[in-house]
Amino acid sequence: MPGEDTRQIFGRNIYYGWFILATSFYLLFIGYGLRHTFGIFFIPILAEFQFDRATLSLAFSINLLAYGMSQPLAGRLSDRFGAKFVILGSVLVSATSMFFLHFASTLWHFYLLYGLMGVGNSGTAFVTHVGFISRWFPERKATALAIANTGASLGQLTLTPLSMALR
């Protein structure tokens, strides 16, 4: 049972679930934080590709639709194969699509890759974290889930201004 595992660190028994929770916090921090920086790069992308606002906004809409529509699939795959495989695959899909966005030369490339990134982001969203955090913290589910969800909020709060400063 996950609730009984401990790890010996510095001569103390540390509950392994805290590492799981910290990893979940970090993944939600990065995932939600990066996803919400699109507005920061909106004007530079417009200038680079010479799109109009509606055309570029459609890319973000495709991303959000792909993200929302693929979350039930991410939840189902997480139940069937485990969250770690879904999260790992999703990170790979998101990173690959971000990498190839650098080489996008036409509008449909941009739409396809940004939509694919939405699918990848769905597997790293809160839906995949709920199940395994609940198993690691059977008596403090709400507290553990709140801590993990704080990562998503803090990611948006900190990575958006950081992106503005780095732009």
N, C-alpha and C. Protein backbone atom coordinates (compact mmCIF):
# COMPACT_ATOMS: atom_id res chain seq x y z
N MET A 1 0.84 -1.18 0.00
CA MET A 1 0.00 0.00 0.00
C MET A 1 0.88 1.24 0.00
N PRO A 2 0.55 2.23 -0.82
CA PRO A 2 1.39 3.42 -0.90
C PRO A 2 1.54 4.16 0.43
N GLY A 3 0.54 4.11 1.28
CA GLY A 3 0.57 4.87 2.52
C GLY A 3 1.60 4.40 3.52
N GLU A 4 2.20 3.22 3.32
CA GLU A 4 3.12 2.67 4.30
C GLU A 4 4.58 2.86 3.95
N ASP A 5 4.88 3.30 2.73
CA ASP A 5 6.26 3.43 2.30
C ASP A 5 6.93 4.63 2.95
N THR A 6 8.16 4.43 3.39
CA THR A 6 8.98 5.52 3.90
C THR A 6 10.35 5.41 3.27
N ARG A 7 11.10 6.48 3.35
CA ARG A 7 12.46 6.52 2.80
C ARG A 7 13.37 7.07 3.89
N GLN A 8 14.53 6.45 4.05
CA GLN A 8 15.50 6.87 5.05
C GLN A 8 16.35 8.01 4.48
N ILE A 9 16.22 9.21 5.04
CA ILE A 9 17.00 10.36 4.61
C ILE A 9 17.55 11.05 5.85
N PHE A 10 18.85 11.24 5.88
CA PHE A 10 19.52 11.90 7.00
C PHE A 10 19.14 11.26 8.33
N GLY A 11 19.02 9.95 8.34
CA GLY A 11 18.71 9.24 9.57
C GLY A 11 17.26 9.34 10.00
N ARG A 12 16.38 9.87 9.15
CA ARG A 12 14.96 9.99 9.49
C ARG A 12 14.13 9.25 8.45
N ASN A 13 13.04 8.73 8.93
CA ASN A 13 12.09 8.14 8.00
C ASN A 13 11.21 9.25 7.44
N ILE A 14 11.25 9.41 6.13
CA ILE A 14 10.44 10.41 5.44
C ILE A 14 9.41 9.66 4.62
N TYR A 15 8.19 10.08 4.73
CA TYR A 15 7.10 9.47 3.99
C TYR A 15 7.30 9.73 2.49
N TYR A 16 7.33 8.67 1.68
CA TYR A 16 7.60 8.76 0.25
C TYR A 16 6.53 9.56 -0.49
N GLY A 17 5.33 9.62 0.04
CA GLY A 17 4.26 10.37 -0.58
C GLY A 17 4.58 11.84 -0.73
N TRP A 18 5.44 12.38 0.15
CA TRP A 18 5.82 13.79 0.03
C TRP A 18 6.62 14.04 -1.24
N PHE A 19 7.43 13.07 -1.65
CA PHE A 19 8.16 13.20 -2.92
C PHE A 19 7.20 13.17 -4.10
N ILE A 20 6.20 12.31 -4.00
CA ILE A 20 5.17 12.23 -5.04
C ILE A 20 4.43 13.56 -5.12
N LEU A 21 4.07 14.10 -3.98
CA LEU A 21 3.35 15.37 -3.95
C LEU A 21 4.21 16.52 -4.47
N ALA A 22 5.49 16.53 -4.12
CA ALA A 22 6.39 17.58 -4.62
C ALA A 22 6.55 17.49 -6.14
N THR A 23 6.63 16.28 -6.65
CA THR A 23 6.73 16.09 -8.11
C THR A 23 5.46 16.56 -8.79
N SER A 24 4.34 16.23 -8.23
CA SER A 24 3.06 16.67 -8.78
C SER A 24 2.95 18.19 -8.75
N PHE A 25 3.34 18.79 -7.65
CA PHE A 25 3.35 20.26 -7.52
C PHE A 25 4.20 20.87 -8.63
N TYR A 26 5.40 20.33 -8.82
CA TYR A 26 6.32 20.86 -9.84
C TYR A 26 5.76 20.70 -11.24
N LEU A 27 5.21 19.54 -11.56
CA LEU A 27 4.65 19.31 -12.89
C LEU A 27 3.48 20.24 -13.18
N LEU A 28 2.62 20.44 -12.20
CA LEU A 28 1.51 21.36 -12.38
C LEU A 28 2.00 22.81 -12.47
N PHE A 29 3.01 23.14 -11.71
CA PHE A 29 3.62 24.47 -11.76
C PHE A 29 4.12 24.77 -13.17
N ILE A 30 4.91 23.86 -13.72
CA ILE A 30 5.48 24.05 -15.06
C ILE A 30 4.39 23.98 -16.13
N GLY A 31 3.53 22.98 -16.05
CA GLY A 31 2.51 22.79 -17.07
C GLY A 31 1.55 23.95 -17.20
N TYR A 32 0.97 24.36 -16.10
CA TYR A 32 0.01 25.46 -16.14
C TYR A 32 0.73 26.80 -16.34
N GLY A 33 1.89 26.94 -15.76
CA GLY A 33 2.62 28.19 -15.92
C GLY A 33 3.01 28.46 -17.36
N LEU A 34 3.53 27.46 -18.04
CA LEU A 34 3.94 27.64 -19.43
C LEU A 34 2.74 27.80 -20.35
N ARG A 35 1.68 27.07 -20.07
CA ARG A 35 0.51 27.15 -20.94
C ARG A 35 -0.10 28.54 -20.92
N HIS A 36 0.02 29.24 -19.83
CA HIS A 36 -0.60 30.55 -19.71
C HIS A 36 0.32 31.70 -20.11
N THR A 37 1.43 31.39 -20.74
CA THR A 37 2.32 32.45 -21.22
C THR A 37 2.05 32.79 -22.69
N PHE A 38 1.06 32.18 -23.29
CA PHE A 38 0.77 32.43 -24.71
C PHE A 38 0.54 33.91 -24.97
N GLY A 39 -0.17 34.58 -24.11
CA GLY A 39 -0.46 36.00 -24.29
C GLY A 39 0.78 36.87 -24.30
N ILE A 40 1.81 36.44 -23.59
CA ILE A 40 3.05 37.19 -23.53
C ILE A 40 3.72 37.20 -24.91
N PHE A 41 3.61 36.10 -25.61
CA PHE A 41 4.29 35.96 -26.90
C PHE A 41 3.37 36.23 -28.09
N PHE A 42 2.17 36.68 -27.82
CA PHE A 42 1.19 36.90 -28.89
C PHE A 42 1.68 37.92 -29.91
N ILE A 43 2.11 39.08 -29.47
CA ILE A 43 2.56 40.14 -30.37
C ILE A 43 3.84 39.73 -31.13
N PRO A 44 4.85 39.15 -30.46
CA PRO A 44 6.03 38.71 -31.23
C PRO A 44 5.70 37.63 -32.28
N ILE A 45 4.77 36.73 -31.96
CA ILE A 45 4.39 35.70 -32.94
C ILE A 45 3.67 36.35 -34.11
N LEU A 46 2.80 37.32 -33.81
CA LEU A 46 2.12 38.06 -34.90
C LEU A 46 3.14 38.71 -35.82
N ALA A 47 4.14 39.33 -35.24
CA ALA A 47 5.16 40.01 -36.04
C ALA A 47 6.00 39.01 -36.85
N GLU A 48 6.33 37.89 -36.24
CA GLU A 48 7.18 36.90 -36.92
C GLU A 48 6.47 36.26 -38.10
N PHE A 49 5.23 35.83 -37.88
CA PHE A 49 4.50 35.09 -38.93
C PHE A 49 3.61 35.99 -39.79
N GLN A 50 3.44 37.23 -39.36
CA GLN A 50 2.57 38.17 -40.06
C GLN A 50 1.14 37.65 -40.19
N PHE A 51 0.67 37.02 -39.09
CA PHE A 51 -0.73 36.58 -39.02
C PHE A 51 -1.57 37.76 -38.56
N ASP A 52 -2.88 37.66 -38.74
CA ASP A 52 -3.74 38.62 -38.07
C ASP A 52 -4.14 38.04 -36.72
N ARG A 53 -4.73 38.84 -35.89
CA ARG A 53 -5.05 38.41 -34.52
C ARG A 53 -6.00 37.22 -34.48
N ALA A 54 -7.00 37.22 -35.35
CA ALA A 54 -7.97 36.13 -35.36
C ALA A 54 -7.32 34.81 -35.75
N THR A 55 -6.41 34.84 -36.69
CA THR A 55 -5.72 33.63 -37.14
C THR A 55 -4.89 33.03 -36.02
N LEU A 56 -4.15 33.88 -35.33
CA LEU A 56 -3.33 33.39 -34.23
C LEU A 56 -4.18 32.97 -33.04
N SER A 57 -5.26 33.67 -32.80
CA SER A 57 -6.17 33.30 -31.70
C SER A 57 -6.79 31.94 -31.95
N LEU A 58 -7.01 31.59 -33.21
CA LEU A 58 -7.54 30.26 -33.53
C LEU A 58 -6.58 29.16 -33.09
N ALA A 59 -5.28 29.42 -33.20
CA ALA A 59 -4.30 28.43 -32.74
C ALA A 59 -4.47 28.15 -31.25
N PHE A 60 -4.65 29.21 -30.47
CA PHE A 60 -4.85 29.02 -29.04
C PHE A 60 -6.18 28.32 -28.76
N SER A 61 -7.20 28.63 -29.55
CA SER A 61 -8.50 27.96 -29.39
C SER A 61 -8.39 26.48 -29.71
N ILE A 62 -7.64 26.15 -30.76
CA ILE A 62 -7.42 24.74 -31.10
C ILE A 62 -6.69 24.04 -29.95
N ASN A 63 -5.71 24.71 -29.39
CA ASN A 63 -4.97 24.16 -28.25
C ASN A 63 -5.91 23.88 -27.09
N LEU A 64 -6.76 24.83 -26.75
CA LEU A 64 -7.68 24.64 -25.63
C LEU A 64 -8.71 23.56 -25.91
N LEU A 65 -9.21 23.49 -27.14
CA LEU A 65 -10.15 22.42 -27.49
C LEU A 65 -9.49 21.05 -27.40
N ALA A 66 -8.29 20.94 -27.95
CA ALA A 66 -7.57 19.67 -27.89
C ALA A 66 -7.28 19.30 -26.43
N TYR A 67 -6.91 20.28 -25.64
CA TYR A 67 -6.65 20.07 -24.21
C TYR A 67 -7.90 19.56 -23.50
N GLY A 68 -9.01 20.23 -23.70
CA GLY A 68 -10.24 19.85 -23.01
C GLY A 68 -10.80 18.52 -23.49
N MET A 69 -10.76 18.29 -24.79
CA MET A 69 -11.35 17.06 -25.33
C MET A 69 -10.50 15.83 -25.05
N SER A 70 -9.20 16.00 -24.83
CA SER A 70 -8.36 14.84 -24.58
C SER A 70 -8.19 14.52 -23.09
N GLN A 71 -8.73 15.35 -22.21
CA GLN A 71 -8.61 15.04 -20.79
C GLN A 71 -9.34 13.77 -20.38
N PRO A 72 -10.55 13.48 -20.91
CA PRO A 72 -11.15 12.19 -20.55
C PRO A 72 -10.28 11.01 -20.99
N LEU A 73 -9.64 11.14 -22.14
CA LEU A 73 -8.73 10.08 -22.60
C LEU A 73 -7.54 9.96 -21.65
N ALA A 74 -6.99 11.09 -21.23
CA ALA A 74 -5.86 11.07 -20.29
C ALA A 74 -6.27 10.41 -18.98
N GLY A 75 -7.47 10.71 -18.49
CA GLY A 75 -7.95 10.08 -17.27
C GLY A 75 -8.13 8.59 -17.43
N ARG A 76 -8.69 8.18 -18.56
CA ARG A 76 -8.89 6.74 -18.83
C ARG A 76 -7.56 6.01 -18.93
N LEU A 77 -6.62 6.60 -19.66
CA LEU A 77 -5.29 5.98 -19.78
C LEU A 77 -4.57 5.93 -18.43
N SER A 78 -4.77 6.96 -17.62
CA SER A 78 -4.17 6.99 -16.30
C SER A 78 -4.72 5.87 -15.42
N ASP A 79 -6.04 5.65 -15.49
CA ASP A 79 -6.65 4.56 -14.74
C ASP A 79 -6.15 3.20 -15.22
N ARG A 80 -5.96 3.09 -16.51
CA ARG A 80 -5.61 1.79 -17.08
C ARG A 80 -4.12 1.46 -16.96
N PHE A 81 -3.25 2.44 -17.27
CA PHE A 81 -1.82 2.17 -17.33
C PHE A 81 -1.01 2.82 -16.21
N GLY A 82 -1.62 3.70 -15.47
CA GLY A 82 -0.92 4.40 -14.40
C GLY A 82 -0.55 5.81 -14.80
N ALA A 83 -0.59 6.68 -13.82
CA ALA A 83 -0.36 8.10 -14.08
C ALA A 83 1.06 8.38 -14.54
N LYS A 84 2.04 7.64 -14.03
CA LYS A 84 3.42 7.97 -14.40
C LYS A 84 3.67 7.76 -15.89
N PHE A 85 3.04 6.76 -16.50
CA PHE A 85 3.21 6.54 -17.93
C PHE A 85 2.49 7.60 -18.75
N VAL A 86 1.32 7.99 -18.30
CA VAL A 86 0.56 9.03 -19.00
C VAL A 86 1.28 10.36 -18.89
N ILE A 87 1.77 10.69 -17.72
CA ILE A 87 2.48 11.96 -17.53
C ILE A 87 3.77 11.97 -18.34
N LEU A 88 4.52 10.89 -18.32
CA LEU A 88 5.77 10.83 -19.08
C LEU A 88 5.50 10.96 -20.58
N GLY A 89 4.51 10.24 -21.08
CA GLY A 89 4.15 10.34 -22.49
C GLY A 89 3.68 11.74 -22.86
N SER A 90 2.92 12.34 -21.97
CA SER A 90 2.40 13.68 -22.23
C SER A 90 3.51 14.72 -22.24
N VAL A 91 4.46 14.58 -21.34
CA VAL A 91 5.60 15.50 -21.34
C VAL A 91 6.39 15.36 -22.64
N LEU A 92 6.55 14.14 -23.10
CA LEU A 92 7.27 13.92 -24.37
C LEU A 92 6.51 14.52 -25.55
N VAL A 93 5.19 14.36 -25.58
CA VAL A 93 4.39 14.94 -26.66
C VAL A 93 4.45 16.46 -26.62
N SER A 94 4.32 17.03 -25.43
CA SER A 94 4.38 18.49 -25.30
C SER A 94 5.74 19.03 -25.69
N ALA A 95 6.80 18.39 -25.20
CA ALA A 95 8.15 18.86 -25.51
C ALA A 95 8.46 18.72 -27.00
N THR A 96 8.03 17.63 -27.60
CA THR A 96 8.26 17.44 -29.03
C THR A 96 7.52 18.48 -29.85
N SER A 97 6.27 18.74 -29.50
CA SER A 97 5.51 19.74 -30.25
C SER A 97 6.11 21.13 -30.06
N MET A 98 6.58 21.45 -28.85
CA MET A 98 7.23 22.75 -28.63
C MET A 98 8.51 22.86 -29.45
N PHE A 99 9.27 21.78 -29.50
CA PHE A 99 10.50 21.79 -30.28
C PHE A 99 10.21 22.04 -31.76
N PHE A 100 9.23 21.32 -32.30
CA PHE A 100 8.94 21.46 -33.72
C PHE A 100 8.20 22.75 -34.06
N LEU A 101 7.61 23.41 -33.07
CA LEU A 101 7.02 24.73 -33.31
C LEU A 101 8.08 25.72 -33.78
N HIS A 102 9.29 25.51 -33.36
CA HIS A 102 10.39 26.36 -33.79
C HIS A 102 10.57 26.31 -35.31
N PHE A 103 10.24 25.16 -35.91
CA PHE A 103 10.44 24.96 -37.34
C PHE A 103 9.17 25.17 -38.16
N ALA A 104 8.07 25.54 -37.51
CA ALA A 104 6.80 25.73 -38.22
C ALA A 104 6.95 26.87 -39.22
N SER A 105 6.60 26.58 -40.46
CA SER A 105 6.76 27.60 -41.50
C SER A 105 5.44 28.01 -42.13
N THR A 106 4.41 27.22 -41.92
CA THR A 106 3.10 27.56 -42.47
C THR A 106 2.07 27.55 -41.35
N LEU A 107 0.92 28.11 -41.66
CA LEU A 107 -0.13 28.23 -40.67
C LEU A 107 -0.63 26.87 -40.19
N TRP A 108 -0.82 25.93 -41.10
CA TRP A 108 -1.33 24.64 -40.69
C TRP A 108 -0.33 23.90 -39.82
N HIS A 109 0.98 24.10 -40.01
CA HIS A 109 1.99 23.52 -39.11
C HIS A 109 1.79 24.06 -37.69
N PHE A 110 1.60 25.37 -37.63
CA PHE A 110 1.40 26.02 -36.33
C PHE A 110 0.15 25.49 -35.64
N TYR A 111 -0.95 25.38 -36.39
CA TYR A 111 -2.19 24.86 -35.82
C TYR A 111 -2.03 23.41 -35.35
N LEU A 112 -1.42 22.59 -36.18
CA LEU A 112 -1.25 21.17 -35.85
C LEU A 112 -0.38 21.01 -34.60
N LEU A 113 0.75 21.68 -34.59
CA LEU A 113 1.67 21.51 -33.47
C LEU A 113 1.13 22.12 -32.18
N TYR A 114 0.45 23.24 -32.30
CA TYR A 114 -0.11 23.85 -31.10
C TYR A 114 -1.29 23.02 -30.57
N GLY A 115 -2.04 22.40 -31.48
CA GLY A 115 -3.10 21.48 -31.06
C GLY A 115 -2.52 20.24 -30.40
N LEU A 116 -1.43 19.72 -30.95
CA LEU A 116 -0.77 18.56 -30.38
C LEU A 116 -0.22 18.87 -28.99
N MET A 117 0.26 20.10 -28.82
CA MET A 117 0.72 20.50 -27.50
C MET A 117 -0.44 20.50 -26.50
N GLY A 118 -1.63 20.87 -26.94
CA GLY A 118 -2.81 20.81 -26.07
C GLY A 118 -3.11 19.39 -25.62
N VAL A 119 -2.97 18.44 -26.55
CA VAL A 119 -3.17 17.03 -26.20
C VAL A 119 -2.12 16.60 -25.17
N GLY A 120 -0.89 16.99 -25.39
CA GLY A 120 0.17 16.66 -24.43
C GLY A 120 -0.06 17.29 -23.07
N ASN A 121 -0.52 18.53 -23.07
CA ASN A 121 -0.79 19.21 -21.80
C ASN A 121 -1.91 18.54 -21.01
N SER A 122 -2.83 17.89 -21.69
CA SER A 122 -3.95 17.27 -20.97
C SER A 122 -3.48 16.12 -20.08
N GLY A 123 -2.43 15.45 -20.48
CA GLY A 123 -1.92 14.34 -19.67
C GLY A 123 -1.12 14.79 -18.47
N THR A 124 -0.71 16.04 -18.46
CA THR A 124 0.01 16.56 -17.29
C THR A 124 -0.88 17.45 -16.45
N ALA A 125 -2.15 17.52 -16.80
CA ALA A 125 -3.09 18.36 -16.06
C ALA A 125 -3.52 17.67 -14.76
N PHE A 126 -4.33 18.35 -14.03
CA PHE A 126 -4.74 17.89 -12.70
C PHE A 126 -5.44 16.53 -12.73
N VAL A 127 -6.08 16.22 -13.86
CA VAL A 127 -6.85 14.97 -13.95
C VAL A 127 -5.97 13.73 -13.69
N THR A 128 -4.73 13.76 -14.12
CA THR A 128 -3.87 12.59 -13.92
C THR A 128 -3.28 12.54 -12.51
N HIS A 129 -3.24 13.67 -11.84
CA HIS A 129 -2.62 13.72 -10.51
C HIS A 129 -3.58 13.32 -9.39
N VAL A 130 -4.86 13.51 -9.61
CA VAL A 130 -5.85 13.27 -8.56
C VAL A 130 -5.82 11.83 -8.05
N GLY A 131 -5.77 10.88 -8.97
CA GLY A 131 -5.83 9.47 -8.57
C GLY A 131 -4.67 9.03 -7.72
N PHE A 132 -3.45 9.31 -8.17
CA PHE A 132 -2.32 8.80 -7.40
C PHE A 132 -2.06 9.60 -6.13
N ILE A 133 -2.38 10.88 -6.13
CA ILE A 133 -2.23 11.64 -4.87
C ILE A 133 -3.24 11.13 -3.84
N SER A 134 -4.44 10.82 -4.28
CA SER A 134 -5.45 10.29 -3.36
C SER A 134 -5.02 8.96 -2.77
N ARG A 135 -4.31 8.15 -3.54
CA ARG A 135 -3.84 6.86 -3.00
C ARG A 135 -2.69 7.05 -2.02
N TRP A 136 -1.84 8.04 -2.25
CA TRP A 136 -0.71 8.26 -1.35
C TRP A 136 -1.11 8.97 -0.06
N PHE A 137 -2.22 9.69 -0.11
CA PHE A 137 -2.68 10.43 1.07
C PHE A 137 -4.15 10.08 1.34
N PRO A 138 -4.41 8.85 1.76
CA PRO A 138 -5.80 8.43 1.93
C PRO A 138 -6.54 9.19 3.04
N GLU A 139 -5.82 9.65 4.05
CA GLU A 139 -6.48 10.34 5.15
C GLU A 139 -6.43 11.86 5.01
N ARG A 140 -5.59 12.36 4.16
CA ARG A 140 -5.45 13.81 3.96
C ARG A 140 -5.53 14.16 2.47
N LYS A 141 -6.51 13.57 1.80
CA LYS A 141 -6.67 13.80 0.36
C LYS A 141 -6.83 15.27 0.01
N ALA A 142 -7.75 15.93 0.69
CA ALA A 142 -8.06 17.32 0.35
C ALA A 142 -6.84 18.22 0.54
N THR A 143 -6.10 18.00 1.61
CA THR A 143 -4.91 18.82 1.86
C THR A 143 -3.85 18.56 0.79
N ALA A 144 -3.61 17.30 0.47
CA ALA A 144 -2.60 16.97 -0.53
C ALA A 144 -3.00 17.49 -1.91
N LEU A 145 -4.26 17.35 -2.26
CA LEU A 145 -4.72 17.86 -3.56
C LEU A 145 -4.65 19.38 -3.60
N ALA A 146 -4.91 20.03 -2.51
CA ALA A 146 -4.81 21.49 -2.46
C ALA A 146 -3.36 21.94 -2.63
N ILE A 147 -2.43 21.22 -2.02
CA ILE A 147 -1.01 21.54 -2.17
C ILE A 147 -0.59 21.37 -3.62
N ALA A 148 -0.99 20.27 -4.25
CA ALA A 148 -0.64 20.04 -5.66
C ALA A 148 -1.26 21.12 -6.54
N ASN A 149 -2.50 21.46 -6.30
CA ASN A 149 -3.18 22.46 -7.11
C ASN A 149 -2.57 23.85 -6.92
N THR A 150 -1.97 24.09 -5.79
CA THR A 150 -1.26 25.34 -5.57
C THR A 150 -0.12 25.49 -6.57
N GLY A 151 0.47 24.37 -6.97
CA GLY A 151 1.53 24.42 -7.98
C GLY A 151 1.05 25.03 -9.28
N ALA A 152 -0.17 24.69 -9.69
CA ALA A 152 -0.73 25.25 -10.93
C ALA A 152 -0.92 26.75 -10.79
N SER A 153 -1.45 27.18 -9.68
CA SER A 153 -1.68 28.61 -9.47
C SER A 153 -0.37 29.38 -9.36
N LEU A 154 0.58 28.84 -8.63
CA LEU A 154 1.87 29.50 -8.49
C LEU A 154 2.61 29.55 -9.83
N GLY A 155 2.44 28.53 -10.64
CA GLY A 155 3.07 28.53 -11.97
C GLY A 155 2.56 29.68 -12.81
N GLN A 156 1.24 29.88 -12.78
CA GLN A 156 0.67 31.00 -13.53
C GLN A 156 1.11 32.34 -12.95
N LEU A 157 1.19 32.40 -11.65
CA LEU A 157 1.55 33.65 -10.97
C LEU A 157 3.00 34.04 -11.21
N THR A 158 3.89 33.07 -11.28
CA THR A 158 5.32 33.39 -11.38
C THR A 158 5.88 33.29 -12.79
N LEU A 159 5.46 32.30 -13.57
CA LEU A 159 6.06 32.11 -14.89
C LEU A 159 5.59 33.15 -15.91
N THR A 160 4.40 33.69 -15.73
CA THR A 160 3.94 34.73 -16.66
C THR A 160 4.80 36.00 -16.52
N PRO A 161 4.99 36.54 -15.32
CA PRO A 161 5.87 37.71 -15.22
C PRO A 161 7.34 37.39 -15.59
N LEU A 162 7.78 36.19 -15.25
CA LEU A 162 9.15 35.80 -15.62
C LEU A 162 9.31 35.77 -17.14
N SER A 163 8.29 35.25 -17.84
CA SER A 163 8.34 35.24 -19.30
C SER A 163 8.35 36.65 -19.86
N MET A 164 7.59 37.53 -19.23
CA MET A 164 7.59 38.93 -19.68
C MET A 164 8.97 39.55 -19.51
N ALA A 165 9.62 39.23 -18.41
CA ALA A 165 10.96 39.79 -18.16
C ALA A 165 11.99 39.22 -19.14
N LEU A 166 11.84 37.95 -19.51
CA LEU A 166 12.80 37.32 -20.41
C LEU A 166 12.55 37.60 -21.87
N ARG A 167 11.35 38.06 -22.20
CA ARG A 167 11.00 38.33 -23.59
C ARG A 167 11.81 39.47 -24.06
